[in-house]
Amino acid sequence: MSAEPRISFGAPSGHWLVQPGGMTLLINRRGFWAGMGLALMVIAVALGSLSVGTPTLSISQVGAALIGRGDPFDVFMLHELRLPRLAAGVLSGAALGVGGCL
């Protein structure tokens, strides 16, 4: 059995043509960069949300507490109080965004 030849015409202007394995993906460059920018903004706002509160933490303290090192009170505060609140906010925002698209 011989495999059929793949005919590639290249990507249209403003798109990337990615062919991993046997699949072909056409990715809009502008949409890709917009999505990456929004993802970076969500990460920045999430770090800000984790560091702001009654005991304000620096970004290095937040990073140490996220991996379980640092002051035990900071670890408890992030893991038990701030991370669940952040996860609920991000997931509910994503759900509202999907609901708005429908």
N, C-alpha and C. Protein backbone atom coordinates (compact mmCIF):
# COMPACT_ATOMS: atom_id res chain seq x y z
N MET A 1 0.83 -1.18 0.00
CA MET A 1 0.00 0.00 0.00
C MET A 1 0.88 1.24 0.00
N SER A 2 0.55 2.14 -0.86
CA SER A 2 1.32 3.37 -0.91
C SER A 2 0.48 4.51 -0.35
N ALA A 3 1.15 5.38 0.33
CA ALA A 3 0.45 6.53 0.90
C ALA A 3 0.23 7.56 -0.18
N GLU A 4 -0.89 8.25 -0.09
CA GLU A 4 -1.19 9.28 -1.06
C GLU A 4 -0.25 10.46 -0.85
N PRO A 5 0.19 11.09 -1.91
CA PRO A 5 1.09 12.23 -1.74
C PRO A 5 0.35 13.41 -1.11
N ARG A 6 1.06 14.11 -0.26
CA ARG A 6 0.48 15.29 0.38
C ARG A 6 0.76 16.49 -0.50
N ILE A 7 -0.26 17.22 -0.80
CA ILE A 7 -0.11 18.43 -1.60
C ILE A 7 -0.20 19.61 -0.65
N SER A 8 0.84 20.42 -0.61
CA SER A 8 0.87 21.58 0.26
C SER A 8 0.95 22.84 -0.59
N PHE A 9 -0.02 23.70 -0.42
CA PHE A 9 -0.05 24.95 -1.17
C PHE A 9 0.52 26.11 -0.36
N GLY A 10 0.94 25.87 0.85
CA GLY A 10 1.44 26.93 1.70
C GLY A 10 0.29 27.60 2.43
N ALA A 11 0.65 28.43 3.36
CA ALA A 11 -0.35 29.11 4.17
C ALA A 11 -0.79 30.40 3.51
N PRO A 12 -2.05 30.76 3.68
CA PRO A 12 -2.49 32.07 3.18
C PRO A 12 -1.81 33.19 3.94
N SER A 13 -1.90 34.37 3.43
CA SER A 13 -1.29 35.52 4.07
C SER A 13 -1.86 35.72 5.47
N GLY A 14 -0.99 35.92 6.46
CA GLY A 14 -1.42 36.14 7.83
C GLY A 14 -1.70 34.88 8.62
N HIS A 15 -1.28 33.74 8.11
CA HIS A 15 -1.51 32.47 8.79
C HIS A 15 -0.22 31.65 8.82
N TRP A 16 -0.17 30.71 9.75
CA TRP A 16 0.90 29.72 9.80
C TRP A 16 0.29 28.37 9.46
N LEU A 17 0.99 27.57 8.69
CA LEU A 17 0.57 26.22 8.38
C LEU A 17 1.48 25.28 9.15
N VAL A 18 0.92 24.59 10.13
CA VAL A 18 1.68 23.68 10.99
C VAL A 18 1.20 22.27 10.70
N GLN A 19 2.14 21.34 10.48
CA GLN A 19 1.78 19.97 10.16
C GLN A 19 2.45 18.99 11.12
N PRO A 20 1.93 18.89 12.37
CA PRO A 20 2.49 17.91 13.30
C PRO A 20 1.89 16.53 13.04
N GLY A 21 2.75 15.54 12.90
CA GLY A 21 2.27 14.19 12.64
C GLY A 21 1.52 14.13 11.32
N GLY A 22 0.31 13.61 11.35
CA GLY A 22 -0.50 13.52 10.15
C GLY A 22 -1.56 14.60 10.06
N MET A 23 -1.52 15.56 10.98
CA MET A 23 -2.53 16.61 11.01
C MET A 23 -2.03 17.86 10.31
N THR A 24 -2.96 18.72 9.95
CA THR A 24 -2.62 20.02 9.39
C THR A 24 -3.41 21.07 10.15
N LEU A 25 -2.69 22.04 10.70
CA LEU A 25 -3.32 23.12 11.45
C LEU A 25 -3.04 24.44 10.74
N LEU A 26 -4.07 25.24 10.59
CA LEU A 26 -3.93 26.57 10.03
C LEU A 26 -4.17 27.55 11.17
N ILE A 27 -3.13 28.28 11.56
CA ILE A 27 -3.19 29.16 12.72
C ILE A 27 -3.13 30.61 12.25
N ASN A 28 -4.10 31.39 12.68
CA ASN A 28 -4.13 32.81 12.38
C ASN A 28 -3.09 33.50 13.25
N ARG A 29 -2.16 34.21 12.64
CA ARG A 29 -1.07 34.85 13.41
C ARG A 29 -1.59 35.89 14.37
N ARG A 30 -2.50 36.73 13.89
CA ARG A 30 -3.03 37.80 14.74
C ARG A 30 -3.79 37.21 15.93
N GLY A 31 -4.59 36.19 15.69
CA GLY A 31 -5.32 35.54 16.78
C GLY A 31 -4.38 34.86 17.76
N PHE A 32 -3.31 34.25 17.24
CA PHE A 32 -2.34 33.60 18.12
C PHE A 32 -1.69 34.60 19.05
N TRP A 33 -1.23 35.73 18.48
CA TRP A 33 -0.55 36.72 19.32
C TRP A 33 -1.51 37.41 20.27
N ALA A 34 -2.75 37.60 19.86
CA ALA A 34 -3.76 38.17 20.76
C ALA A 34 -4.02 37.22 21.92
N GLY A 35 -4.12 35.93 21.64
CA GLY A 35 -4.32 34.94 22.70
C GLY A 35 -3.13 34.87 23.65
N MET A 36 -1.92 34.96 23.10
CA MET A 36 -0.73 34.94 23.97
C MET A 36 -0.67 36.19 24.85
N GLY A 37 -1.02 37.34 24.28
CA GLY A 37 -1.05 38.57 25.06
C GLY A 37 -2.07 38.50 26.18
N LEU A 38 -3.25 37.98 25.88
CA LEU A 38 -4.28 37.85 26.91
C LEU A 38 -3.88 36.85 27.99
N ALA A 39 -3.22 35.76 27.59
CA ALA A 39 -2.76 34.78 28.58
C ALA A 39 -1.71 35.39 29.50
N LEU A 40 -0.80 36.19 28.95
CA LEU A 40 0.19 36.86 29.79
C LEU A 40 -0.46 37.87 30.72
N MET A 41 -1.50 38.55 30.25
CA MET A 41 -2.21 39.49 31.12
C MET A 41 -2.93 38.77 32.25
N VAL A 42 -3.51 37.61 31.97
CA VAL A 42 -4.17 36.83 33.03
C VAL A 42 -3.15 36.38 34.06
N ILE A 43 -1.97 35.96 33.61
CA ILE A 43 -0.92 35.54 34.55
C ILE A 43 -0.46 36.71 35.41
N ALA A 44 -0.29 37.89 34.80
CA ALA A 44 0.14 39.07 35.55
C ALA A 44 -0.91 39.49 36.58
N VAL A 45 -2.17 39.47 36.19
CA VAL A 45 -3.24 39.82 37.12
C VAL A 45 -3.36 38.78 38.22
N ALA A 46 -3.15 37.51 37.89
CA ALA A 46 -3.20 36.45 38.90
C ALA A 46 -2.09 36.64 39.93
N LEU A 47 -0.88 36.94 39.48
CA LEU A 47 0.21 37.19 40.44
C LEU A 47 -0.09 38.41 41.30
N GLY A 48 -0.66 39.44 40.69
CA GLY A 48 -1.04 40.60 41.46
C GLY A 48 -2.12 40.29 42.48
N SER A 49 -3.07 39.46 42.08
CA SER A 49 -4.14 39.07 42.99
C SER A 49 -3.62 38.24 44.15
N LEU A 50 -2.64 37.40 43.88
CA LEU A 50 -2.07 36.57 44.94
C LEU A 50 -1.22 37.39 45.91
N SER A 51 -0.65 38.49 45.45
CA SER A 51 0.25 39.25 46.31
C SER A 51 -0.47 40.35 47.08
N VAL A 52 -1.65 40.78 46.65
CA VAL A 52 -2.35 41.88 47.31
C VAL A 52 -3.34 41.32 48.33
N GLY A 53 -3.35 41.91 49.49
CA GLY A 53 -4.26 41.51 50.55
C GLY A 53 -3.86 42.19 51.84
N THR A 54 -4.45 41.74 52.95
CA THR A 54 -4.11 42.35 54.23
C THR A 54 -2.63 42.21 54.52
N PRO A 55 -2.05 41.01 54.53
CA PRO A 55 -0.59 40.96 54.54
C PRO A 55 -0.10 40.95 53.09
N THR A 56 0.38 42.07 52.60
CA THR A 56 0.87 42.17 51.22
C THR A 56 2.17 41.39 51.08
N LEU A 57 2.24 40.59 50.03
CA LEU A 57 3.42 39.76 49.77
C LEU A 57 4.12 40.26 48.51
N SER A 58 5.43 40.10 48.49
CA SER A 58 6.18 40.41 47.27
C SER A 58 6.04 39.25 46.30
N ILE A 59 6.41 39.48 45.05
CA ILE A 59 6.31 38.43 44.03
C ILE A 59 7.22 37.25 44.39
N SER A 60 8.39 37.53 44.98
CA SER A 60 9.28 36.43 45.38
C SER A 60 8.67 35.62 46.52
N GLN A 61 7.97 36.28 47.44
CA GLN A 61 7.30 35.54 48.52
C GLN A 61 6.15 34.71 47.97
N VAL A 62 5.45 35.24 46.97
CA VAL A 62 4.37 34.48 46.34
C VAL A 62 4.93 33.25 45.64
N GLY A 63 6.04 33.42 44.91
CA GLY A 63 6.66 32.28 44.24
C GLY A 63 7.14 31.22 45.21
N ALA A 64 7.74 31.65 46.32
CA ALA A 64 8.20 30.69 47.32
C ALA A 64 7.03 29.97 47.97
N ALA A 65 5.95 30.70 48.25
CA ALA A 65 4.79 30.07 48.88
C ALA A 65 4.07 29.14 47.92
N LEU A 66 4.08 29.44 46.64
CA LEU A 66 3.42 28.56 45.67
C LEU A 66 4.08 27.20 45.58
N ILE A 67 5.41 27.16 45.74
CA ILE A 67 6.10 25.87 45.69
C ILE A 67 6.24 25.24 47.06
N GLY A 68 5.66 25.88 48.08
CA GLY A 68 5.63 25.28 49.42
C GLY A 68 6.78 25.66 50.31
N ARG A 69 7.57 26.64 49.93
CA ARG A 69 8.68 27.10 50.76
C ARG A 69 8.35 28.48 51.29
N GLY A 70 9.12 28.93 52.22
CA GLY A 70 8.86 30.25 52.78
C GLY A 70 8.13 30.15 54.10
N ASP A 71 7.57 31.24 54.53
CA ASP A 71 6.86 31.31 55.80
C ASP A 71 5.63 30.41 55.76
N PRO A 72 5.43 29.56 56.79
CA PRO A 72 4.27 28.67 56.79
C PRO A 72 2.93 29.42 56.72
N PHE A 73 2.86 30.61 57.32
CA PHE A 73 1.63 31.38 57.24
C PHE A 73 1.35 31.82 55.81
N ASP A 74 2.39 32.23 55.09
CA ASP A 74 2.22 32.63 53.68
C ASP A 74 1.78 31.44 52.83
N VAL A 75 2.36 30.28 53.07
CA VAL A 75 1.98 29.07 52.32
C VAL A 75 0.52 28.74 52.58
N PHE A 76 0.11 28.80 53.86
CA PHE A 76 -1.28 28.51 54.21
C PHE A 76 -2.21 29.53 53.54
N MET A 77 -1.86 30.80 53.64
CA MET A 77 -2.70 31.85 53.11
C MET A 77 -2.89 31.70 51.59
N LEU A 78 -1.81 31.39 50.88
CA LEU A 78 -1.92 31.25 49.44
C LEU A 78 -2.68 29.98 49.05
N HIS A 79 -2.32 28.86 49.65
CA HIS A 79 -2.90 27.58 49.25
C HIS A 79 -4.35 27.43 49.69
N GLU A 80 -4.68 27.95 50.85
CA GLU A 80 -6.02 27.72 51.39
C GLU A 80 -7.00 28.88 51.15
N LEU A 81 -6.50 30.09 50.99
CA LEU A 81 -7.39 31.24 50.87
C LEU A 81 -7.35 31.89 49.50
N ARG A 82 -6.18 32.27 49.05
CA ARG A 82 -6.09 33.08 47.83
C ARG A 82 -6.16 32.25 46.55
N LEU A 83 -5.52 31.09 46.49
CA LEU A 83 -5.58 30.28 45.26
C LEU A 83 -6.98 29.79 44.93
N PRO A 84 -7.76 29.29 45.91
CA PRO A 84 -9.13 28.90 45.56
C PRO A 84 -9.98 30.08 45.05
N ARG A 85 -9.78 31.25 45.67
CA ARG A 85 -10.52 32.44 45.22
C ARG A 85 -10.10 32.81 43.79
N LEU A 86 -8.82 32.73 43.50
CA LEU A 86 -8.33 33.04 42.16
C LEU A 86 -8.86 32.02 41.15
N ALA A 87 -8.81 30.75 41.49
CA ALA A 87 -9.30 29.70 40.58
C ALA A 87 -10.79 29.89 40.30
N ALA A 88 -11.57 30.21 41.33
CA ALA A 88 -13.00 30.43 41.14
C ALA A 88 -13.25 31.63 40.24
N GLY A 89 -12.48 32.68 40.42
CA GLY A 89 -12.65 33.86 39.58
C GLY A 89 -12.29 33.62 38.13
N VAL A 90 -11.16 32.94 37.90
CA VAL A 90 -10.73 32.66 36.52
C VAL A 90 -11.71 31.72 35.83
N LEU A 91 -12.13 30.66 36.53
CA LEU A 91 -13.05 29.70 35.92
C LEU A 91 -14.43 30.30 35.67
N SER A 92 -14.92 31.12 36.60
CA SER A 92 -16.22 31.74 36.36
C SER A 92 -16.13 32.77 35.23
N GLY A 93 -15.02 33.49 35.13
CA GLY A 93 -14.84 34.40 34.01
C GLY A 93 -14.77 33.67 32.68
N ALA A 94 -14.09 32.53 32.66
CA ALA A 94 -14.03 31.73 31.43
C ALA A 94 -15.41 31.19 31.07
N ALA A 95 -16.17 30.76 32.08
CA ALA A 95 -17.53 30.25 31.82
C ALA A 95 -18.43 31.36 31.27
N LEU A 96 -18.32 32.56 31.81
CA LEU A 96 -19.11 33.68 31.29
C LEU A 96 -18.69 34.03 29.86
N GLY A 97 -17.40 33.94 29.58
CA GLY A 97 -16.93 34.19 28.23
C GLY A 97 -17.45 33.17 27.23
N VAL A 98 -17.44 31.91 27.62
CA VAL A 98 -17.98 30.86 26.74
C VAL A 98 -19.46 31.04 26.59
N GLY A 99 -20.16 31.38 27.68
CA GLY A 99 -21.60 31.60 27.60
C GLY A 99 -21.94 32.77 26.70
N GLY A 100 -21.10 33.79 26.68
CA GLY A 100 -21.34 34.92 25.80
C GLY A 100 -21.12 34.59 24.34
N CYS A 101 -20.29 33.60 24.07
CA CYS A 101 -20.04 33.19 22.69
C CYS A 101 -21.17 32.35 22.12
N LEU A 102 -21.93 31.71 22.99
CA LEU A 102 -23.00 30.81 22.51
C LEU A 102 -24.22 31.54 22.06
